[in-house]
Structures are given as structure tokens and as C-alpha cells.
Amino acid sequence: MILIVTVLKFGAAGLSFGWVIQKLKFQNGYSTLLFAINYALSGWFIANDLNLLWLDAAILLPLVIYHLERLFTQKKWWRYSLILAATIISNYYIGYMIALFVCLYFIWRLTWTNQIQSRWLTIRHFIMGSLVAGGLSAWLILPTFYQLRLGKAQYQSTWHNGFDNNPLHLLFKLIPGSFNFDQMQQGVANIFVSSLILITALLFFISHRFSKSVKLGALCLLSILILATTWAPLTLVFHGMQYPVWYPYRFSFMISFFLIWLGAMAWKKQSPYPIKRCLFYCLAMLVSFFMLGNKIKPLTILITLVF
């Protein structure tokens, strides 16, 4: 029964992501399955398949973003409020991390429009919807916070401005088979996505369909998420001001989600792309993998599997 529940939750994650990118007309047909499967089988899901209670919020994340996108078009915030409340109720811990990501995503999304009146209306709806979502989930959050204050929350982690790990080691997490159980206690964030996603995400930044401000905003958002997996202050903020016990960087599925999201936005089966620039980025990625692979010899063979 545990296996059945696990498979169903993985399938639900892929279904929610696929449904959203199809509703937003990012992809259609077989390509929808490619991106949906990549989300459901990304590194975080595989590494946390034993934590079934964490998967519910990850399933709802695409739906939260979908209804957040609707704020910019339909000006109705109650659906966004309900789905965000459901996400927090499903797991307040992962829901808190998703709420941080939603705020960052919303700020990035605001750069897409230049209409001041429409922008302020959307901001007002976002604030109202978020506050209502917090109110709907308060019956769970407030008692839980009170109990945490009596126990675990009394012990605060020590703040420092250093890095908890080498940021370059994150590149190894993009290699197939890079996860191992030795890193479940203290390791690097699990951000694995397939080579297809890495290439299509790169297409987002070289495509002429998106403005420079949109690309810069996406790069800043991605950089904040990645920095939060290495830089101690941001790590503590995303983990509720405390280092987790085992399973570090529990929000890393949002990095995979955003990479897949950008790839789904950018890849059009009939759109031309500058071939020379694509080859340059792919070659740069290949060289960087091999340079790092020389430092950790057991992973050198795995690097060749990426391409």
C-alpha cells in the first residue's frame, strides 16, 4: 500500500505540472509529458520518496503558480487563496517554503507588465489572497507554532555569513545517479533534472521571445534559490530559522520546478534558435562537467552519461 501511495503521489505531481503547462499553453501533445515526467521524477522526489507527507505540497505547487498567473489575467484571487491555503494545510513546513518561493515568483512576474494601474491592482489582489490563505490555515499554523515554541523552536541555529558547502558541487547533482544515502544527513541539495531540461532552460535565456528584464529576473530568482542551498543565512531563512535534521535543503524541488518551468516556456517545436549560441552553451556545460569531474574521479564516468 505504501508503494501504491508513493506511485500515485508521483503521478499526481506529474499530472498537476502537465495540466498547468497545457492550460497556460506552454506545451501541448507529447511534449507536455516530457516536462511533466521530469518534474515527477526530479532528484528531490527520488531522494524524498520516503517522506510521503512532503509530497503533497510539491504536488500542489504547480497549481499555486497557475492560479497566481491567473491574477494577472482574470483579476480573481479567491482560487489562488484557496489553493495556497490547501498547500499550507497539507504540510505547513513545505508550505512555508512554497510561500517564500511564491513571493519571489510574483515579484519576477510583475516585471512582465508596464501598466501601472494593472500592476497595483494585481499587487492588491495578491496581498489579499495571501492574507486570506494565511487566515484559512491559521487554525493549523497558530497551534503548531505555539507547540514549536515550547519545544524545538527554543533551540536556535547559530548564524554565520559563510557557505555550508562548495557551490560548484551542485553541478554534480545534475548527473544521473548522483544521489546516495550518505548525503541524507549532511549533503548537497538534490536538484537533478534531465539534460533536456537543462538545454531548454538555456533556450529561455537565449530566445528572442523574452525581454532582457524578464530573463534577468528569472536569473535572479534562480540565483537566490541556488544560493539558499549553500549560503548559510538564506539556508536558515528557507528552513524556518533552523537547520534541518537529516534531509538537507528540503526546498530544492523548487529549483527543479523553476528550471522545468523555464524550459516549458521556452521550447517551441517549430521555433528557430541560434544554432551557434546553443552549441556554445552546450559545449561550455560539457567542459565544466569534465573539469569538475577530474577533481572527483568516481564521478567522471557518470558525467559522460549526461550527453
Protein backbone atom coordinates (compact mmCIF):
# COMPACT_ATOMS: atom_id res chain seq x y z
CA MET A 1 0.00 0.00 0.00
CA ILE A 2 2.89 2.35 0.71
CA LEU A 3 4.25 1.63 -2.78
CA ILE A 4 0.84 2.34 -4.31
CA VAL A 5 0.51 5.63 -2.41
CA THR A 6 4.05 6.63 -3.45
CA VAL A 7 3.41 5.90 -7.12
CA LEU A 8 0.09 7.74 -7.04
CA LYS A 9 1.68 10.82 -5.48
CA PHE A 10 4.48 10.83 -8.03
CA GLY A 11 1.87 10.51 -10.75
CA ALA A 12 -0.21 13.32 -9.23
CA ALA A 13 2.85 15.61 -9.25
CA GLY A 14 3.41 14.94 -12.95
CA LEU A 15 -0.30 15.31 -13.66
CA SER A 16 -0.59 18.68 -11.92
CA PHE A 17 2.51 20.05 -13.68
CA GLY A 18 1.41 18.74 -17.08
CA TRP A 19 -2.12 20.09 -16.65
CA VAL A 20 -0.81 23.55 -15.75
CA ILE A 21 1.65 23.95 -18.63
CA GLN A 22 -1.05 22.76 -21.02
CA LYS A 23 -3.63 25.18 -19.60
CA LEU A 24 -1.13 28.04 -19.90
CA LYS A 25 -0.35 26.86 -23.46
CA PHE A 26 3.34 26.41 -22.78
CA GLN A 27 3.28 22.92 -24.30
CA ASN A 28 0.84 20.51 -25.91
CA GLY A 29 0.81 16.93 -27.08
CA TYR A 30 3.67 14.58 -26.28
CA SER A 31 5.95 17.43 -25.18
CA THR A 32 3.68 18.00 -22.18
CA LEU A 33 4.55 14.51 -20.97
CA LEU A 34 8.27 15.19 -21.29
CA PHE A 35 8.17 18.13 -18.89
CA ALA A 36 5.58 16.56 -16.56
CA ILE A 37 7.63 13.38 -16.12
CA ASN A 38 10.75 15.43 -15.47
CA TYR A 39 9.04 17.18 -12.57
CA ALA A 40 7.64 13.99 -11.05
CA LEU A 41 10.99 12.18 -11.35
CA SER A 42 13.31 15.06 -10.46
CA GLY A 43 16.04 14.49 -7.91
CA TRP A 44 14.11 15.82 -4.91
CA PHE A 45 11.21 13.43 -5.43
CA ILE A 46 13.52 10.45 -5.73
CA ALA A 47 15.55 11.42 -2.66
CA ASN A 48 12.44 12.06 -0.57
CA ASP A 49 10.22 9.21 -1.67
CA LEU A 50 10.09 8.00 1.95
CA ASN A 51 8.69 11.34 3.14
CA LEU A 52 5.20 10.92 1.77
CA LEU A 53 3.80 13.85 3.74
CA TRP A 54 6.18 16.25 1.99
CA LEU A 55 5.00 15.25 -1.47
CA ASP A 56 1.52 16.75 -1.10
CA ALA A 57 2.76 20.35 -1.09
CA ALA A 58 5.03 19.65 -4.06
CA ILE A 59 2.00 18.28 -5.94
CA LEU A 60 0.10 21.50 -5.26
CA LEU A 61 2.96 23.86 -6.19
CA PRO A 62 2.15 23.93 -9.96
CA LEU A 63 -1.50 24.68 -9.13
CA VAL A 64 -0.48 27.54 -6.83
CA ILE A 65 1.63 29.06 -9.60
CA TYR A 66 -1.18 28.54 -12.12
CA HIS A 67 -3.70 30.45 -10.02
CA LEU A 68 -1.07 33.08 -9.30
CA GLU A 69 -0.73 33.52 -13.06
CA ARG A 70 -4.50 33.95 -13.25
CA LEU A 71 -4.19 37.04 -11.02
CA PHE A 72 -2.56 38.81 -13.98
CA THR A 73 -5.36 37.96 -16.39
CA GLN A 74 -8.69 37.36 -14.67
CA LYS A 75 -8.22 39.53 -11.55
CA LYS A 76 -9.83 36.88 -9.33
CA TRP A 77 -7.86 36.00 -6.25
CA TRP A 78 -10.09 33.61 -4.31
CA ARG A 79 -8.94 30.49 -6.21
CA TYR A 80 -5.33 31.41 -5.54
CA SER A 81 -6.19 31.92 -1.89
CA LEU A 82 -7.87 28.53 -1.55
CA ILE A 83 -5.11 26.54 -3.25
CA LEU A 84 -2.38 28.31 -1.24
CA ALA A 85 -4.29 27.59 1.98
CA ALA A 86 -4.61 23.93 0.96
CA THR A 87 -0.86 23.81 0.32
CA ILE A 88 -0.05 25.18 3.77
CA ILE A 89 -2.54 22.85 5.43
CA SER A 90 -1.16 19.81 3.59
CA ASN A 91 2.26 20.44 5.14
CA TYR A 92 2.94 23.71 6.93
CA TYR A 93 6.73 23.24 6.75
CA ILE A 94 6.99 22.75 2.99
CA GLY A 95 4.10 25.19 2.60
CA TYR A 96 6.19 27.88 4.28
CA MET A 97 8.98 27.31 1.75
CA ILE A 98 6.50 27.45 -1.11
CA ALA A 99 5.11 30.73 0.24
CA LEU A 100 8.61 32.23 0.07
CA PHE A 101 9.01 30.99 -3.49
CA VAL A 102 5.59 32.37 -4.46
CA CYS A 103 6.61 35.83 -3.22
CA LEU A 104 9.81 35.72 -5.27
CA TYR A 105 7.94 34.41 -8.33
CA PHE A 106 5.33 37.15 -8.02
CA ILE A 107 7.99 39.88 -7.89
CA TRP A 108 9.58 38.41 -11.02
CA ARG A 109 6.23 38.16 -12.76
CA LEU A 110 5.49 41.84 -12.09
CA THR A 111 8.35 42.79 -14.41
CA TRP A 112 6.35 41.49 -17.35
CA THR A 113 3.86 44.35 -17.42
CA ASN A 114 4.35 48.10 -17.71
CA GLN A 115 0.77 49.14 -16.92
CA ILE A 116 0.94 50.84 -13.52
CA GLN A 117 -2.79 50.64 -12.80
CA SER A 118 -2.99 46.95 -13.67
CA ARG A 119 0.17 46.26 -11.66
CA TRP A 120 -1.17 47.87 -8.48
CA LEU A 121 -4.46 46.02 -8.82
CA THR A 122 -2.62 42.73 -9.15
CA ILE A 123 -0.46 43.53 -6.12
CA ARG A 124 -3.56 44.28 -4.07
CA HIS A 125 -5.19 41.02 -5.12
CA PHE A 126 -2.01 39.10 -4.33
CA ILE A 127 -1.79 40.58 -0.85
CA MET A 128 -5.48 39.97 -0.16
CA GLY A 129 -5.33 36.40 -1.43
CA SER A 130 -2.19 35.62 0.56
CA LEU A 131 -3.63 37.06 3.78
CA VAL A 132 -6.87 35.13 3.34
CA ALA A 133 -4.88 31.95 2.70
CA GLY A 134 -2.97 32.56 5.93
CA GLY A 135 -6.25 33.12 7.76
CA LEU A 136 -7.81 29.93 6.37
CA SER A 137 -4.81 27.92 7.57
CA ALA A 138 -4.42 29.74 10.89
CA TRP A 139 -6.28 27.00 12.77
CA LEU A 140 -3.30 24.77 11.98
CA ILE A 141 -0.44 27.27 11.94
CA LEU A 142 -1.07 29.01 15.28
CA PRO A 143 -1.35 25.89 17.49
CA THR A 144 1.62 24.34 15.71
CA PHE A 145 3.71 27.47 16.20
CA TYR A 146 2.76 27.52 19.89
CA GLN A 147 3.84 23.90 20.32
CA LEU A 148 7.10 24.56 18.48
CA ARG A 149 7.82 27.49 20.77
CA LEU A 150 7.56 25.10 23.74
CA GLY A 151 9.97 22.63 22.20
CA LYS A 152 12.07 22.63 19.07
CA ALA A 153 11.79 26.35 18.32
CA GLN A 154 13.55 27.20 21.59
CA TYR A 155 16.82 26.00 20.09
CA GLN A 156 18.08 28.48 17.51
CA SER A 157 20.79 27.70 14.99
CA THR A 158 23.95 29.79 15.01
CA TRP A 159 24.03 32.42 12.28
CA HIS A 160 27.14 32.98 10.21
CA ASN A 161 27.90 34.51 6.81
CA GLY A 162 29.82 31.58 5.39
CA PHE A 163 28.95 28.82 2.96
CA ASP A 164 27.86 25.43 4.23
CA ASN A 165 29.20 23.65 1.14
CA ASN A 166 31.01 24.27 -2.12
CA PRO A 167 28.51 25.77 -4.62
CA LEU A 168 30.33 24.06 -7.50
CA HIS A 169 29.38 20.67 -6.09
CA LEU A 170 25.78 21.40 -7.07
CA LEU A 171 26.77 20.65 -10.67
CA PHE A 172 27.33 17.03 -9.69
CA LYS A 173 23.67 16.82 -8.70
CA LEU A 174 22.78 17.29 -12.37
CA ILE A 175 24.47 13.98 -13.19
CA PRO A 176 22.33 10.81 -13.37
CA GLY A 177 22.84 8.58 -10.35
CA SER A 178 24.43 11.29 -8.23
CA PHE A 179 22.16 10.71 -5.21
CA ASN A 180 23.42 8.49 -2.41
CA PHE A 181 22.12 7.80 1.08
CA ASP A 182 25.36 9.01 2.70
CA GLN A 183 24.28 12.57 1.91
CA MET A 184 20.91 12.33 3.61
CA GLN A 185 22.33 13.65 6.86
CA GLN A 186 24.70 16.30 5.51
CA GLY A 187 24.92 16.71 1.77
CA VAL A 188 24.23 18.86 -1.25
CA ALA A 189 20.77 19.81 -2.46
CA ASN A 190 19.08 17.36 -4.84
CA ILE A 191 18.29 19.39 -7.96
CA PHE A 192 18.57 16.72 -10.66
CA VAL A 193 16.72 17.30 -13.91
CA SER A 194 17.40 15.68 -17.25
CA SER A 195 19.66 17.10 -19.96
CA LEU A 196 16.55 18.03 -21.96
CA ILE A 197 15.52 20.43 -19.19
CA LEU A 198 18.99 21.95 -18.90
CA ILE A 199 19.10 22.61 -22.64
CA THR A 200 15.55 24.01 -22.86
CA ALA A 201 16.17 26.19 -19.79
CA LEU A 202 19.21 27.61 -21.57
CA LEU A 203 16.98 28.30 -24.57
CA PHE A 204 14.89 30.57 -22.35
CA PHE A 205 17.88 32.85 -21.82
CA ILE A 206 18.88 32.98 -25.49
CA SER A 207 15.41 33.18 -27.01
CA HIS A 208 14.31 36.48 -28.55
CA ARG A 209 10.73 35.96 -27.38
CA PHE A 210 11.52 37.15 -23.85
CA SER A 211 12.75 40.61 -22.90
CA LYS A 212 16.05 41.20 -21.16
CA SER A 213 14.30 42.27 -17.96
CA VAL A 214 12.32 39.01 -17.85
CA LYS A 215 15.49 36.98 -18.40
CA LEU A 216 17.38 38.96 -15.77
CA GLY A 217 14.55 38.50 -13.28
CA ALA A 218 14.47 34.75 -13.90
CA LEU A 219 18.24 34.59 -13.45
CA CYS A 220 18.00 36.49 -10.15
CA LEU A 221 15.23 34.22 -8.88
CA LEU A 222 17.16 31.11 -9.84
CA SER A 223 20.32 32.52 -8.27
CA ILE A 224 18.53 33.19 -4.96
CA LEU A 225 17.23 29.61 -4.84
CA ILE A 226 20.65 28.17 -5.64
CA LEU A 227 22.39 30.50 -3.18
CA ALA A 228 19.98 29.34 -0.48
CA THR A 229 21.41 25.82 -0.82
CA THR A 230 24.94 26.98 0.01
CA TRP A 231 24.92 30.34 1.82
CA ALA A 232 24.04 29.92 5.50
CA PRO A 233 21.76 32.97 6.07
CA LEU A 234 19.48 32.14 3.14
CA THR A 235 19.51 28.46 4.09
CA LEU A 236 18.23 29.32 7.56
CA VAL A 237 15.54 31.63 6.17
CA PHE A 238 14.17 28.92 3.87
CA HIS A 239 14.24 26.36 6.70
CA GLY A 240 12.38 28.46 9.22
CA MET A 241 15.50 29.79 11.00
CA GLN A 242 16.78 26.33 11.92
CA TYR A 243 18.99 23.80 10.20
CA PRO A 244 17.06 20.63 9.38
CA VAL A 245 17.91 17.29 10.96
CA TRP A 246 18.66 14.99 8.01
CA TYR A 247 17.30 15.61 4.51
CA PRO A 248 19.04 18.98 3.99
CA TYR A 249 17.75 21.67 1.63
CA ARG A 250 14.19 20.44 1.64
CA PHE A 251 13.07 23.22 -0.70
CA SER A 252 15.34 22.14 -3.56
CA PHE A 253 12.38 20.81 -5.57
CA MET A 254 11.58 24.45 -6.34
CA ILE A 255 14.88 24.77 -8.21
CA SER A 256 13.97 21.79 -10.37
CA PHE A 257 10.44 23.14 -10.77
CA PHE A 258 11.67 26.54 -11.94
CA LEU A 259 14.18 25.06 -14.39
CA ILE A 260 11.46 22.85 -15.90
CA TRP A 261 9.06 25.81 -15.91
CA LEU A 262 11.51 27.96 -17.86
CA GLY A 263 12.20 25.10 -20.25
CA ALA A 264 8.48 24.57 -20.87
CA MET A 265 8.04 28.29 -21.56
CA ALA A 266 10.96 28.47 -23.97
CA TRP A 267 10.80 25.30 -26.03
CA LYS A 268 8.68 25.53 -29.14
CA LYS A 269 8.94 22.63 -31.55
CA GLN A 270 8.76 24.88 -34.60
CA SER A 271 10.71 27.89 -33.35
CA PRO A 272 14.21 28.56 -34.76
CA TYR A 273 17.06 29.11 -32.31
CA PRO A 274 20.57 30.44 -32.94
CA ILE A 275 22.48 27.22 -33.51
CA LYS A 276 25.92 28.67 -32.79
CA ARG A 277 24.82 30.07 -29.45
CA CYS A 278 23.15 26.79 -28.48
CA LEU A 279 26.29 24.84 -29.33
CA PHE A 280 28.41 27.29 -27.34
CA TYR A 281 26.30 26.88 -24.18
CA CYS A 282 26.18 23.09 -24.51
CA LEU A 283 29.94 22.95 -25.03
CA ALA A 284 30.52 25.22 -22.01
CA MET A 285 28.31 22.97 -19.89
CA LEU A 286 30.14 19.86 -21.08
CA VAL A 287 33.57 21.38 -20.37
CA SER A 288 32.52 22.49 -16.88
CA PHE A 289 31.33 18.97 -16.06
CA PHE A 290 34.60 17.44 -17.19
CA MET A 291 36.69 19.99 -15.29
CA LEU A 292 34.84 19.20 -12.10
CA GLY A 293 34.88 15.51 -12.86
CA ASN A 294 38.67 15.47 -12.84
CA LYS A 295 38.59 16.53 -9.19
CA ILE A 296 36.28 13.70 -8.17
CA LYS A 297 37.33 10.71 -10.24
CA PRO A 298 34.49 8.30 -9.36
CA LEU A 299 32.04 10.69 -10.97
CA THR A 300 33.92 11.08 -14.24
CA ILE A 301 32.18 8.13 -15.85
CA LEU A 302 28.78 9.43 -14.80
CA ILE A 303 29.49 12.75 -16.49
CA THR A 304 29.59 11.09 -19.89
CA LEU A 305 26.07 9.78 -19.31
CA VAL A 306 24.69 13.31 -19.39
CA PHE A 307 25.43 13.60 -23.09
